[in-house]
Amino acid sequence: MILKNRNSRFAFQFGRQSALRSTDEMVEQLSEQLKKERAQHKFDLAEKDRELALVLRELAEARYELARRDTAAAFINAPSPSPSLH
């Protein structure tokens, strides 16, 4: 690009510098937005992990309770030992 006079060179350089500053500001804003989104994502993952841990705990408790009931029922329904065997 050939700039014919000093004013057009100045205008070109000023416009270029303005565009670079604008681009820098945009990059800065996008970087901040990305940081915020990453932090939110990290928080969301931590919440999901916490919820999953609670559900797994409830499942383990339910399985334990079922196993305890089955064991108690098996004990109750078991035939009593014969006194003649002892």
PDB file of N, CA and C in Angstrom:
ATOM      1  N   MET A   1       0.850  -1.174   0.000  1.00  0.00           N
ATOM      2  CA  MET A   1       0.000   0.000   0.000  1.00  0.00           C
ATOM      3  C   MET A   1       0.896   1.238   0.000  1.00  0.00           C
ATOM      4  N   ILE A   2       0.639   2.112  -0.891  1.00  0.00           N
ATOM      5  CA  ILE A   2       1.428   3.339  -0.987  1.00  0.00           C
ATOM      6  C   ILE A   2       0.581   4.483  -0.450  1.00  0.00           C
ATOM      7  N   LEU A   3       1.109   5.179   0.561  1.00  0.00           N
ATOM      8  CA  LEU A   3       0.400   6.318   1.130  1.00  0.00           C
ATOM      9  C   LEU A   3       1.033   7.587   0.563  1.00  0.00           C
ATOM     10  N   LYS A   4       0.183   8.414  -0.013  1.00  0.00           N
ATOM     11  CA  LYS A   4       0.684   9.528  -0.816  1.00  0.00           C
ATOM     12  C   LYS A   4       1.189  10.707  -0.009  1.00  0.00           C
ATOM     13  N   ASN A   5       0.625  10.946   1.141  1.00  0.00           N
ATOM     14  CA  ASN A   5       1.099  12.108   1.891  1.00  0.00           C
ATOM     15  C   ASN A   5       1.154  11.806   3.387  1.00  0.00           C
ATOM     16  N   ARG A   6       1.650  12.753   4.083  1.00  0.00           N
ATOM     17  CA  ARG A   6       1.866  12.597   5.514  1.00  0.00           C
ATOM     18  C   ARG A   6       0.552  12.383   6.265  1.00  0.00           C
ATOM     19  N   ASN A   7      -0.479  13.096   5.887  1.00  0.00           N
ATOM     20  CA  ASN A   7      -1.774  12.960   6.561  1.00  0.00           C
ATOM     21  C   ASN A   7      -2.362  11.563   6.374  1.00  0.00           C
ATOM     22  N   SER A   8      -2.256  11.040   5.178  1.00  0.00           N
ATOM     23  CA  SER A   8      -2.813   9.706   4.956  1.00  0.00           C
ATOM     24  C   SER A   8      -1.983   8.653   5.710  1.00  0.00           C
ATOM     25  N   ARG A   9      -0.676   8.847   5.795  1.00  0.00           N
ATOM     26  CA  ARG A   9       0.162   7.931   6.585  1.00  0.00           C
ATOM     27  C   ARG A   9      -0.224   8.013   8.068  1.00  0.00           C
ATOM     28  N   PHE A  10      -0.416   9.234   8.547  1.00  0.00           N
ATOM     29  CA  PHE A  10      -0.801   9.433   9.943  1.00  0.00           C
ATOM     30  C   PHE A  10      -2.154   8.782  10.216  1.00  0.00           C
ATOM     31  N   ALA A  11      -3.100   9.003   9.325  1.00  0.00           N
ATOM     32  CA  ALA A  11      -4.438   8.420   9.489  1.00  0.00           C
ATOM     33  C   ALA A  11      -4.353   6.898   9.470  1.00  0.00           C
ATOM     34  N   PHE A  12      -3.536   6.363   8.574  1.00  0.00           N
ATOM     35  CA  PHE A  12      -3.378   4.906   8.504  1.00  0.00           C
ATOM     36  C   PHE A  12      -2.789   4.370   9.801  1.00  0.00           C
ATOM     37  N   GLN A  13      -1.729   5.013  10.278  1.00  0.00           N
ATOM     38  CA  GLN A  13      -1.083   4.543  11.513  1.00  0.00           C
ATOM     39  C   GLN A  13      -2.009   4.690  12.715  1.00  0.00           C
ATOM     40  N   PHE A  14      -2.736   5.807  12.769  1.00  0.00           N
ATOM     41  CA  PHE A  14      -3.668   6.014  13.870  1.00  0.00           C
ATOM     42  C   PHE A  14      -4.762   4.951  13.840  1.00  0.00           C
ATOM     43  N   GLY A  15      -5.291   4.693  12.665  1.00  0.00           N
ATOM     44  CA  GLY A  15      -6.329   3.663  12.532  1.00  0.00           C
ATOM     45  C   GLY A  15      -5.801   2.292  12.901  1.00  0.00           C
ATOM     46  N   ARG A  16      -4.599   2.023  12.479  1.00  0.00           N
ATOM     47  CA  ARG A  16      -3.987   0.722  12.793  1.00  0.00           C
ATOM     48  C   ARG A  16      -3.771   0.587  14.296  1.00  0.00           C
ATOM     49  N   GLN A  17      -3.263   1.637  14.927  1.00  0.00           N
ATOM     50  CA  GLN A  17      -3.047   1.592  16.377  1.00  0.00           C
ATOM     51  C   GLN A  17      -4.368   1.468  17.128  1.00  0.00           C
ATOM     52  N   SER A  18      -5.383   2.161  16.652  1.00  0.00           N
ATOM     53  CA  SER A  18      -6.706   2.056  17.285  1.00  0.00           C
ATOM     54  C   SER A  18      -7.241   0.634  17.168  1.00  0.00           C
ATOM     55  N   ALA A  19      -7.058   0.057  15.995  1.00  0.00           N
ATOM     56  CA  ALA A  19      -7.524  -1.314  15.790  1.00  0.00           C
ATOM     57  C   ALA A  19      -6.758  -2.278  16.690  1.00  0.00           C
ATOM     58  N   LEU A  20      -5.462  -2.066  16.829  1.00  0.00           N
ATOM     59  CA  LEU A  20      -4.663  -2.933  17.706  1.00  0.00           C
ATOM     60  C   LEU A  20      -5.091  -2.788  19.161  1.00  0.00           C
ATOM     61  N   ARG A  21      -5.340  -1.540  19.592  1.00  0.00           N
ATOM     62  CA  ARG A  21      -5.811  -1.333  20.969  1.00  0.00           C
ATOM     63  C   ARG A  21      -7.158  -1.988  21.169  1.00  0.00           C
ATOM     64  N   SER A  22      -8.031  -1.828  20.193  1.00  0.00           N
ATOM     65  CA  SER A  22      -9.358  -2.436  20.276  1.00  0.00           C
ATOM     66  C   SER A  22      -9.245  -3.953  20.336  1.00  0.00           C
ATOM     67  N   THR A  23      -8.354  -4.508  19.530  1.00  0.00           N
ATOM     68  CA  THR A  23      -8.143  -5.953  19.531  1.00  0.00           C
ATOM     69  C   THR A  23      -7.582  -6.405  20.877  1.00  0.00           C
ATOM     70  N   ASP A  24      -6.646  -5.648  21.422  1.00  0.00           N
ATOM     71  CA  ASP A  24      -6.081  -5.982  22.732  1.00  0.00           C
ATOM     72  C   ASP A  24      -7.156  -5.967  23.815  1.00  0.00           C
ATOM     73  N   GLU A  25      -8.021  -4.969  23.761  1.00  0.00           N
ATOM     74  CA  GLU A  25      -9.111  -4.885  24.739  1.00  0.00           C
ATOM     75  C   GLU A  25     -10.067  -6.064  24.575  1.00  0.00           C
ATOM     76  N   MET A  26     -10.345  -6.434  23.342  1.00  0.00           N
ATOM     77  CA  MET A  26     -11.231  -7.556  23.077  1.00  0.00           C
ATOM     78  C   MET A  26     -10.610  -8.860  23.589  1.00  0.00           C
ATOM     79  N   VAL A  27      -9.330  -9.022  23.345  1.00  0.00           N
ATOM     80  CA  VAL A  27      -8.627 -10.216  23.832  1.00  0.00           C
ATOM     81  C   VAL A  27      -8.664 -10.248  25.359  1.00  0.00           C
ATOM     82  N   GLU A  28      -8.452  -9.107  25.974  1.00  0.00           N
ATOM     83  CA  GLU A  28      -8.508  -9.007  27.436  1.00  0.00           C
ATOM     84  C   GLU A  28      -9.890  -9.408  27.955  1.00  0.00           C
ATOM     85  N   GLN A  29     -10.937  -8.881  27.317  1.00  0.00           N
ATOM     86  CA  GLN A  29     -12.301  -9.216  27.728  1.00  0.00           C
ATOM     87  C   GLN A  29     -12.592 -10.699  27.534  1.00  0.00           C
ATOM     88  N   LEU A  30     -12.162 -11.239  26.420  1.00  0.00           N
ATOM     89  CA  LEU A  30     -12.390 -12.659  26.167  1.00  0.00           C
ATOM     90  C   LEU A  30     -11.616 -13.529  27.147  1.00  0.00           C
ATOM     91  N   SER A  31     -10.413 -13.107  27.494  1.00  0.00           N
ATOM     92  CA  SER A  31      -9.629 -13.845  28.484  1.00  0.00           C
ATOM     93  C   SER A  31     -10.327 -13.846  29.838  1.00  0.00           C
ATOM     94  N   GLU A  32     -10.846 -12.711  30.240  1.00  0.00           N
ATOM     95  CA  GLU A  32     -11.583 -12.621  31.505  1.00  0.00           C
ATOM     96  C   GLU A  32     -12.842 -13.491  31.459  1.00  0.00           C
ATOM     97  N   GLN A  33     -13.541 -13.432  30.347  1.00  0.00           N
ATOM     98  CA  GLN A  33     -14.750 -14.243  30.201  1.00  0.00           C
ATOM     99  C   GLN A  33     -14.397 -15.729  30.263  1.00  0.00           C
ATOM    100  N   LEU A  34     -13.315 -16.120  29.613  1.00  0.00           N
ATOM    101  CA  LEU A  34     -12.878 -17.514  29.634  1.00  0.00           C
ATOM    102  C   LEU A  34     -12.518 -17.948  31.053  1.00  0.00           C
ATOM    103  N   LYS A  35     -11.832 -17.068  31.805  1.00  0.00           N
ATOM    104  CA  LYS A  35     -11.493 -17.374  33.199  1.00  0.00           C
ATOM    105  C   LYS A  35     -12.755 -17.612  34.018  1.00  0.00           C
ATOM    106  N   LYS A  36     -13.736 -16.736  33.848  1.00  0.00           N
ATOM    107  CA  LYS A  36     -14.994 -16.868  34.585  1.00  0.00           C
ATOM    108  C   LYS A  36     -15.715 -18.159  34.209  1.00  0.00           C
ATOM    109  N   GLU A  37     -15.751 -18.470  32.919  1.00  0.00           N
ATOM    110  CA  GLU A  37     -16.430 -19.687  32.478  1.00  0.00           C
ATOM    111  C   GLU A  37     -15.712 -20.935  32.980  1.00  0.00           C
ATOM    112  N   ARG A  38     -14.390 -20.907  33.006  1.00  0.00           N
ATOM    113  CA  ARG A  38     -13.633 -22.048  33.543  1.00  0.00           C
ATOM    114  C   ARG A  38     -13.904 -22.222  35.034  1.00  0.00           C
ATOM    115  N   ALA A  39     -13.950 -21.123  35.761  1.00  0.00           N
ATOM    116  CA  ALA A  39     -14.246 -21.194  37.195  1.00  0.00           C
ATOM    117  C   ALA A  39     -15.649 -21.744  37.423  1.00  0.00           C
ATOM    118  N   GLN A  40     -16.602 -21.282  36.620  1.00  0.00           N
ATOM    119  CA  GLN A  40     -17.975 -21.780  36.743  1.00  0.00           C
ATOM    120  C   GLN A  40     -18.031 -23.266  36.412  1.00  0.00           C
ATOM    121  N   HIS A  41     -17.319 -23.671  35.378  1.00  0.00           N
ATOM    122  CA  HIS A  41     -17.291 -25.086  34.985  1.00  0.00           C
ATOM    123  C   HIS A  41     -16.687 -25.934  36.106  1.00  0.00           C
ATOM    124  N   LYS A  42     -15.607 -25.442  36.702  1.00  0.00           N
ATOM    125  CA  LYS A  42     -14.966 -26.163  37.807  1.00  0.00           C
ATOM    126  C   LYS A  42     -15.939 -26.298  38.981  1.00  0.00           C
ATOM    127  N   PHE A  43     -16.659 -25.227  39.284  1.00  0.00           N
ATOM    128  CA  PHE A  43     -17.654 -25.258  40.360  1.00  0.00           C
ATOM    129  C   PHE A  43     -18.769 -26.248  40.027  1.00  0.00           C
ATOM    130  N   ASP A  44     -19.265 -26.209  38.790  1.00  0.00           N
ATOM    131  CA  ASP A  44     -20.338 -27.120  38.377  1.00  0.00           C
ATOM    132  C   ASP A  44     -19.897 -28.575  38.495  1.00  0.00           C
ATOM    133  N   LEU A  45     -18.659 -28.859  38.082  1.00  0.00           N
ATOM    134  CA  LEU A  45     -18.146 -30.224  38.197  1.00  0.00           C
ATOM    135  C   LEU A  45     -18.054 -30.653  39.656  1.00  0.00           C
ATOM    136  N   ALA A  46     -17.599 -29.755  40.508  1.00  0.00           N
ATOM    137  CA  ALA A  46     -17.501 -30.069  41.934  1.00  0.00           C
ATOM    138  C   ALA A  46     -18.883 -30.356  42.521  1.00  0.00           C
ATOM    139  N   GLU A  47     -19.886 -29.586  42.104  1.00  0.00           N
ATOM    140  CA  GLU A  47     -21.258 -29.815  42.569  1.00  0.00           C
ATOM    141  C   GLU A  47     -21.785 -31.161  42.082  1.00  0.00           C
ATOM    142  N   LYS A  48     -21.511 -31.473  40.831  1.00  0.00           N
ATOM    143  CA  LYS A  48     -21.954 -32.768  40.287  1.00  0.00           C
ATOM    144  C   LYS A  48     -21.268 -33.911  41.029  1.00  0.00           C
ATOM    145  N   ASP A  49     -19.970 -33.763  41.321  1.00  0.00           N
ATOM    146  CA  ASP A  49     -19.250 -34.791  42.080  1.00  0.00           C
ATOM    147  C   ASP A  49     -19.856 -34.960  43.474  1.00  0.00           C
ATOM    148  N   ARG A  50     -20.203 -33.842  44.100  1.00  0.00           N
ATOM    149  CA  ARG A  50     -20.811 -33.892  45.429  1.00  0.00           C
ATOM    150  C   ARG A  50     -22.166 -34.593  45.368  1.00  0.00           C
ATOM    151  N   GLU A  51     -22.978 -34.245  44.371  1.00  0.00           N
ATOM    152  CA  GLU A  51     -24.283 -34.885  44.207  1.00  0.00           C
ATOM    153  C   GLU A  51     -24.128 -36.378  43.940  1.00  0.00           C
ATOM    154  N   LEU A  52     -23.159 -36.742  43.111  1.00  0.00           N
ATOM    155  CA  LEU A  52     -22.915 -38.147  42.811  1.00  0.00           C
ATOM    156  C   LEU A  52     -22.498 -38.896  44.074  1.00  0.00           C
ATOM    157  N   ALA A  53     -21.643 -38.288  44.879  1.00  0.00           N
ATOM    158  CA  ALA A  53     -21.213 -38.924  46.123  1.00  0.00           C
ATOM    159  C   ALA A  53     -22.400 -39.150  47.057  1.00  0.00           C
ATOM    160  N   LEU A  54     -23.311 -38.188  47.119  1.00  0.00           N
ATOM    161  CA  LEU A  54     -24.500 -38.351  47.963  1.00  0.00           C
ATOM    162  C   LEU A  54     -25.390 -39.489  47.463  1.00  0.00           C
ATOM    163  N   VAL A  55     -25.584 -39.548  46.150  1.00  0.00           N
ATOM    164  CA  VAL A  55     -26.417 -40.605  45.580  1.00  0.00           C
ATOM    165  C   VAL A  55     -25.773 -41.973  45.808  1.00  0.00           C
ATOM    166  N   LEU A  56     -24.460 -42.064  45.620  1.00  0.00           N
ATOM    167  CA  LEU A  56     -23.766 -43.334  45.855  1.00  0.00           C
ATOM    168  C   LEU A  56     -23.840 -43.738  47.324  1.00  0.00           C
ATOM    169  N   ARG A  57     -23.773 -42.774  48.211  1.00  0.00           N
ATOM    170  CA  ARG A  57     -23.899 -43.073  49.647  1.00  0.00           C
ATOM    171  C   ARG A  57     -25.296 -43.599  49.949  1.00  0.00           C
ATOM    172  N   GLU A  58     -26.321 -42.947  49.405  1.00  0.00           N
ATOM    173  CA  GLU A  58     -27.690 -43.408  49.627  1.00  0.00           C
ATOM    174  C   GLU A  58     -27.891 -44.819  49.058  1.00  0.00           C
ATOM    175  N   LEU A  59     -27.302 -45.079  47.917  1.00  0.00           N
ATOM    176  CA  LEU A  59     -27.398 -46.406  47.313  1.00  0.00           C
ATOM    177  C   LEU A  59     -26.729 -47.449  48.205  1.00  0.00           C
ATOM    178  N   ALA A  60     -25.550 -47.117  48.720  1.00  0.00           N
ATOM    179  CA  ALA A  60     -24.849 -48.051  49.605  1.00  0.00           C
ATOM    180  C   ALA A  60     -25.656 -48.311  50.873  1.00  0.00           C
ATOM    181  N   GLU A  61     -26.262 -47.254  51.417  1.00  0.00           N
ATOM    182  CA  GLU A  61     -27.094 -47.428  52.607  1.00  0.00           C
ATOM    183  C   GLU A  61     -28.308 -48.299  52.311  1.00  0.00           C
ATOM    184  N   ALA A  62     -28.922 -48.107  51.155  1.00  0.00           N
ATOM    185  CA  ALA A  62     -30.086 -48.917  50.777  1.00  0.00           C
ATOM    186  C   ALA A  62     -29.686 -50.378  50.589  1.00  0.00           C
ATOM    187  N   ARG A  63     -28.557 -50.611  49.957  1.00  0.00           N
ATOM    188  CA  ARG A  63     -28.084 -51.990  49.779  1.00  0.00           C
ATOM    189  C   ARG A  63     -27.782 -52.632  51.137  1.00  0.00           C
ATOM    190  N   TYR A  64     -27.168 -51.873  52.010  1.00  0.00           N
ATOM    191  CA  TYR A  64     -26.861 -52.390  53.343  1.00  0.00           C
ATOM    192  C   TYR A  64     -28.150 -52.768  54.075  1.00  0.00           C
ATOM    193  N   GLU A  65     -29.127 -51.893  54.006  1.00  0.00           N
ATOM    194  CA  GLU A  65     -30.407 -52.150  54.684  1.00  0.00           C
ATOM    195  C   GLU A  65     -31.078 -53.394  54.104  1.00  0.00           C
ATOM    196  N   LEU A  66     -31.054 -53.546  52.793  1.00  0.00           N
ATOM    197  CA  LEU A  66     -31.638 -54.739  52.172  1.00  0.00           C
ATOM    198  C   LEU A  66     -30.886 -56.002  52.591  1.00  0.00           C
ATOM    199  N   ALA A  67     -29.583 -55.930  52.614  1.00  0.00           N
ATOM    200  CA  ALA A  67     -28.788 -57.090  53.022  1.00  0.00           C
ATOM    201  C   ALA A  67     -29.069 -57.438  54.484  1.00  0.00           C
ATOM    202  N   ARG A  68     -29.213 -56.429  55.314  1.00  0.00           N
ATOM    203  CA  ARG A  68     -29.506 -56.659  56.732  1.00  0.00           C
ATOM    204  C   ARG A  68     -30.868 -57.312  56.890  1.00  0.00           C
ATOM    205  N   ARG A  69     -31.844 -56.851  56.136  1.00  0.00           N
ATOM    206  CA  ARG A  69     -33.186 -57.448  56.204  1.00  0.00           C
ATOM    207  C   ARG A  69     -33.166 -58.887  55.711  1.00  0.00           C
ATOM    208  N   ASP A  70     -32.438 -59.123  54.603  1.00  0.00           N
ATOM    209  CA  ASP A  70     -32.353 -60.484  54.073  1.00  0.00           C
ATOM    210  C   ASP A  70     -31.689 -61.414  55.077  1.00  0.00           C
ATOM    211  N   THR A  71     -30.654 -60.935  55.735  1.00  0.00           N
ATOM    212  CA  THR A  71     -29.953 -61.747  56.730  1.00  0.00           C
ATOM    213  C   THR A  71     -30.877 -62.033  57.912  1.00  0.00           C
ATOM    214  N   ALA A  72     -31.604 -61.019  58.362  1.00  0.00           N
ATOM    215  CA  ALA A  72     -32.531 -61.202  59.484  1.00  0.00           C
ATOM    216  C   ALA A  72     -33.641 -62.176  59.089  1.00  0.00           C
ATOM    217  N   ALA A  73     -34.156 -62.026  57.870  1.00  0.00           N
ATOM    218  CA  ALA A  73     -35.217 -62.929  57.418  1.00  0.00           C
ATOM    219  C   ALA A  73     -34.696 -64.354  57.306  1.00  0.00           C
ATOM    220  N   ALA A  74     -33.489 -64.505  56.807  1.00  0.00           N
ATOM    221  CA  ALA A  74     -32.909 -65.845  56.698  1.00  0.00           C
ATOM    222  C   ALA A  74     -32.723 -66.454  58.079  1.00  0.00           C
ATOM    223  N   PHE A  75     -32.327 -65.659  59.039  1.00  0.00           N
ATOM    224  CA  PHE A  75     -32.138 -66.155  60.394  1.00  0.00           C
ATOM    225  C   PHE A  75     -33.471 -66.551  61.020  1.00  0.00           C
ATOM    226  N   ILE A  76     -34.472 -65.703  60.823  1.00  0.00           N
ATOM    227  CA  ILE A  76     -35.793 -65.972  61.393  1.00  0.00           C
ATOM    228  C   ILE A  76     -36.399 -67.223  60.770  1.00  0.00           C
ATOM    229  N   ASN A  77     -36.240 -67.371  59.463  1.00  0.00           N
ATOM    230  CA  ASN A  77     -36.856 -68.494  58.757  1.00  0.00           C
ATOM    231  C   ASN A  77     -36.020 -69.774  58.795  1.00  0.00           C
ATOM    232  N   ALA A  78     -34.838 -69.703  59.367  1.00  0.00           N
ATOM    233  CA  ALA A  78     -33.994 -70.896  59.422  1.00  0.00           C
ATOM    234  C   ALA A  78     -34.603 -71.917  60.384  1.00  0.00           C
ATOM    235  N   PRO A  79     -34.469 -73.173  60.040  1.00  0.00           N
ATOM    236  CA  PRO A  79     -35.002 -74.184  60.973  1.00  0.00           C
ATOM    237  C   PRO A  79     -34.189 -74.197  62.262  1.00  0.00           C
ATOM    238  N   SER A  80     -34.864 -74.436  63.332  1.00  0.00           N
ATOM    239  CA  SER A  80     -34.157 -74.460  64.585  1.00  0.00           C
ATOM    240  C   SER A  80     -33.329 -75.743  64.675  1.00  0.00           C
ATOM    241  N   PRO A  81     -32.202 -75.658  65.327  1.00  0.00           N
ATOM    242  CA  PRO A  81     -31.361 -76.848  65.416  1.00  0.00           C
ATOM    243  C   PRO A  81     -32.084 -77.946  66.211  1.00  0.00           C
ATOM    244  N   SER A  82     -31.890 -79.143  65.799  1.00  0.00           N
ATOM    245  CA  SER A  82     -32.539 -80.272  66.455  1.00  0.00           C
ATOM    246  C   SER A  82     -31.794 -80.617  67.730  1.00  0.00           C
ATOM    247  N   PRO A  83     -32.520 -80.731  68.817  1.00  0.00           N
ATOM    248  CA  PRO A  83     -31.847 -81.095  70.059  1.00  0.00           C
ATOM    249  C   PRO A  83     -31.237 -82.504  69.988  1.00  0.00           C
ATOM    250  N   SER A  84     -31.734 -83.329  69.090  1.00  0.00           N
ATOM    251  CA  SER A  84     -31.213 -84.696  69.023  1.00  0.00           C
ATOM    252  C   SER A  84     -29.834 -84.740  68.393  1.00  0.00           C
ATOM    253  N   LEU A  85     -29.419 -83.681  67.673  1.00  0.00           N
ATOM    254  CA  LEU A  85     -28.096 -83.668  67.070  1.00  0.00           C
ATOM    255  C   LEU A  85     -27.015 -83.369  68.091  1.00  0.00           C
ATOM    256  N   HIS A  86     -27.347 -82.763  69.194  1.00  0.00           N
ATOM    257  CA  HIS A  86     -26.355 -82.372  70.187  1.00  0.00           C
ATOM    258  C   HIS A  86     -26.252 -83.344  71.284  1.00  0.00           C
TER     259      HIS A  86
END
